[in-house]
Amino acid sequence: MLDFIKRYFTIDNKTGCRFITVDAYAAAIPFYLHNGFVPLNEEDADEPTRLLYFDLNDLDED
């Protein structure tokens, strides 16, 4: 599903989006990291949720 969403927003620049952001629960963070998301900052590293983002421009490098 994530791969579909990532590709959907880059085909013909449908929305002008550059980043996908999530506020992930701590238990879900490994899933997002595995799928190319990175932490927005280090301030929330020990919080119950963490802001992560994926740069859609990285898909062009594949």
N, C-alpha and C. Protein backbone atom coordinates (compact mmCIF):
# COMPACT_ATOMS: atom_id res chain seq x y z
N MET A 1 0.82 -1.18 0.00
CA MET A 1 0.00 0.00 0.00
C MET A 1 0.87 1.25 0.00
N LEU A 2 1.92 1.24 0.81
CA LEU A 2 2.81 2.41 0.84
C LEU A 2 3.48 2.64 -0.51
N ASP A 3 3.90 1.58 -1.17
CA ASP A 3 4.53 1.74 -2.49
C ASP A 3 3.54 2.34 -3.48
N PHE A 4 2.29 1.92 -3.42
CA PHE A 4 1.26 2.49 -4.30
C PHE A 4 1.11 3.98 -4.04
N ILE A 5 0.99 4.35 -2.78
CA ILE A 5 0.82 5.77 -2.43
C ILE A 5 2.02 6.59 -2.88
N LYS A 6 3.20 6.07 -2.64
CA LYS A 6 4.42 6.80 -3.05
C LYS A 6 4.43 7.03 -4.55
N ARG A 7 4.15 6.01 -5.32
CA ARG A 7 4.17 6.13 -6.79
C ARG A 7 3.00 6.97 -7.30
N TYR A 8 1.82 6.82 -6.71
CA TYR A 8 0.64 7.54 -7.15
C TYR A 8 0.87 9.05 -7.15
N PHE A 9 1.48 9.56 -6.11
CA PHE A 9 1.66 11.00 -6.00
C PHE A 9 2.80 11.53 -6.86
N THR A 10 3.59 10.66 -7.44
CA THR A 10 4.67 11.14 -8.30
C THR A 10 4.34 11.04 -9.78
N ILE A 11 3.36 10.22 -10.15
CA ILE A 11 2.98 10.09 -11.56
C ILE A 11 2.26 11.37 -12.01
N ASP A 12 2.81 12.03 -12.99
CA ASP A 12 2.25 13.27 -13.52
C ASP A 12 2.12 14.36 -12.47
N ASN A 13 2.87 14.27 -11.38
CA ASN A 13 2.86 15.28 -10.32
C ASN A 13 1.43 15.68 -9.95
N LYS A 14 0.61 14.69 -9.62
CA LYS A 14 -0.82 14.88 -9.37
C LYS A 14 -1.15 16.00 -8.39
N THR A 15 -0.40 16.10 -7.33
CA THR A 15 -0.77 17.05 -6.29
C THR A 15 0.32 18.07 -5.98
N GLY A 16 1.46 17.92 -6.55
CA GLY A 16 2.56 18.81 -6.20
C GLY A 16 3.18 18.45 -4.86
N CYS A 17 2.91 17.25 -4.36
CA CYS A 17 3.46 16.81 -3.06
C CYS A 17 4.94 16.47 -3.21
N ARG A 18 5.68 16.75 -2.17
CA ARG A 18 7.09 16.39 -2.14
C ARG A 18 7.37 15.40 -1.02
N PHE A 19 6.66 15.51 0.10
CA PHE A 19 6.92 14.67 1.27
C PHE A 19 5.64 13.99 1.73
N ILE A 20 5.81 12.77 2.27
CA ILE A 20 4.75 12.09 3.00
C ILE A 20 5.19 12.09 4.45
N THR A 21 4.34 12.53 5.35
CA THR A 21 4.69 12.55 6.77
C THR A 21 3.73 11.66 7.55
N VAL A 22 4.24 11.07 8.61
CA VAL A 22 3.43 10.26 9.51
C VAL A 22 3.82 10.59 10.94
N ASP A 23 2.86 10.44 11.83
CA ASP A 23 3.11 10.55 13.26
C ASP A 23 2.96 9.12 13.79
N ALA A 24 4.05 8.37 13.77
CA ALA A 24 4.01 6.92 14.01
C ALA A 24 4.10 6.57 15.49
N TYR A 25 3.27 5.61 15.88
CA TYR A 25 3.42 5.04 17.22
C TYR A 25 4.77 4.33 17.32
N ALA A 26 5.33 4.28 18.50
CA ALA A 26 6.66 3.70 18.71
C ALA A 26 6.74 2.27 18.14
N ALA A 27 5.70 1.49 18.32
CA ALA A 27 5.72 0.10 17.83
C ALA A 27 5.76 0.02 16.30
N ALA A 28 5.30 1.06 15.61
CA ALA A 28 5.26 1.05 14.15
C ALA A 28 6.50 1.68 13.50
N ILE A 29 7.35 2.29 14.29
CA ILE A 29 8.53 2.99 13.74
C ILE A 29 9.41 2.06 12.90
N PRO A 30 9.73 0.85 13.34
CA PRO A 30 10.56 -0.03 12.49
C PRO A 30 9.94 -0.29 11.12
N PHE A 31 8.63 -0.42 11.05
CA PHE A 31 7.94 -0.61 9.78
C PHE A 31 8.20 0.57 8.84
N TYR A 32 8.03 1.77 9.34
CA TYR A 32 8.24 2.96 8.51
C TYR A 32 9.71 3.13 8.13
N LEU A 33 10.62 2.88 9.05
CA LEU A 33 12.04 2.99 8.73
C LEU A 33 12.41 2.01 7.62
N HIS A 34 11.87 0.80 7.70
CA HIS A 34 12.11 -0.22 6.68
C HIS A 34 11.58 0.22 5.30
N ASN A 35 10.57 1.06 5.31
CA ASN A 35 9.96 1.54 4.07
C ASN A 35 10.48 2.90 3.63
N GLY A 36 11.64 3.30 4.14
CA GLY A 36 12.31 4.49 3.64
C GLY A 36 12.01 5.79 4.35
N PHE A 37 11.18 5.77 5.37
CA PHE A 37 10.90 6.98 6.13
C PHE A 37 12.08 7.28 7.06
N VAL A 38 12.28 8.54 7.36
CA VAL A 38 13.35 8.95 8.27
C VAL A 38 12.76 9.91 9.31
N PRO A 39 13.36 9.95 10.50
CA PRO A 39 12.87 10.86 11.54
C PRO A 39 13.01 12.33 11.10
N LEU A 40 12.01 13.11 11.45
CA LEU A 40 12.04 14.53 11.14
C LEU A 40 13.05 15.25 12.03
N ASN A 41 13.15 14.81 13.28
CA ASN A 41 14.11 15.39 14.23
C ASN A 41 14.41 14.36 15.31
N GLU A 42 15.29 14.72 16.21
CA GLU A 42 15.66 13.80 17.30
C GLU A 42 14.96 14.15 18.60
N GLU A 43 14.21 15.23 18.63
CA GLU A 43 13.56 15.69 19.87
C GLU A 43 12.49 14.74 20.37
N ASP A 44 11.88 13.97 19.49
CA ASP A 44 10.80 13.07 19.90
C ASP A 44 11.24 11.60 19.94
N ALA A 45 12.53 11.36 20.02
CA ALA A 45 13.06 9.99 19.97
C ALA A 45 12.52 9.10 21.08
N ASP A 46 12.23 9.66 22.24
CA ASP A 46 11.76 8.86 23.38
C ASP A 46 10.28 9.07 23.68
N GLU A 47 9.55 9.62 22.73
CA GLU A 47 8.13 9.89 22.92
C GLU A 47 7.28 8.70 22.46
N PRO A 48 6.00 8.66 22.84
CA PRO A 48 5.13 7.56 22.40
C PRO A 48 4.88 7.54 20.88
N THR A 49 5.00 8.70 20.24
CA THR A 49 4.88 8.79 18.79
C THR A 49 6.06 9.58 18.25
N ARG A 50 6.33 9.38 16.96
CA ARG A 50 7.48 10.05 16.36
C ARG A 50 7.14 10.52 14.96
N LEU A 51 7.55 11.75 14.63
CA LEU A 51 7.33 12.28 13.29
C LEU A 51 8.38 11.73 12.34
N LEU A 52 7.89 11.14 11.25
CA LEU A 52 8.76 10.58 10.22
C LEU A 52 8.31 11.13 8.87
N TYR A 53 9.23 11.17 7.92
CA TYR A 53 8.85 11.62 6.58
C TYR A 53 9.54 10.80 5.51
N PHE A 54 8.95 10.83 4.32
CA PHE A 54 9.53 10.19 3.15
C PHE A 54 9.59 11.25 2.06
N ASP A 55 10.76 11.43 1.46
CA ASP A 55 10.94 12.39 0.39
C ASP A 55 10.63 11.71 -0.94
N LEU A 56 9.56 12.13 -1.59
CA LEU A 56 9.14 11.50 -2.86
C LEU A 56 10.17 11.69 -3.95
N ASN A 57 11.05 12.68 -3.84
CA ASN A 57 12.11 12.85 -4.83
C ASN A 57 13.09 11.68 -4.80
N ASP A 58 13.15 10.96 -3.69
CA ASP A 58 14.04 9.79 -3.60
C ASP A 58 13.61 8.68 -4.57
N LEU A 59 12.35 8.67 -4.98
CA LEU A 59 11.88 7.65 -5.91
C LEU A 59 12.50 7.81 -7.28
N ASP A 60 12.87 9.01 -7.64
CA ASP A 60 13.50 9.25 -8.94
C ASP A 60 14.85 8.57 -9.04
N GLU A 61 15.48 8.29 -7.90
CA GLU A 61 16.81 7.69 -7.87
C GLU A 61 16.75 6.18 -8.08
N ASP A 62 15.54 5.58 -7.95
CA ASP A 62 15.41 4.11 -8.09
C ASP A 62 15.63 3.66 -9.49
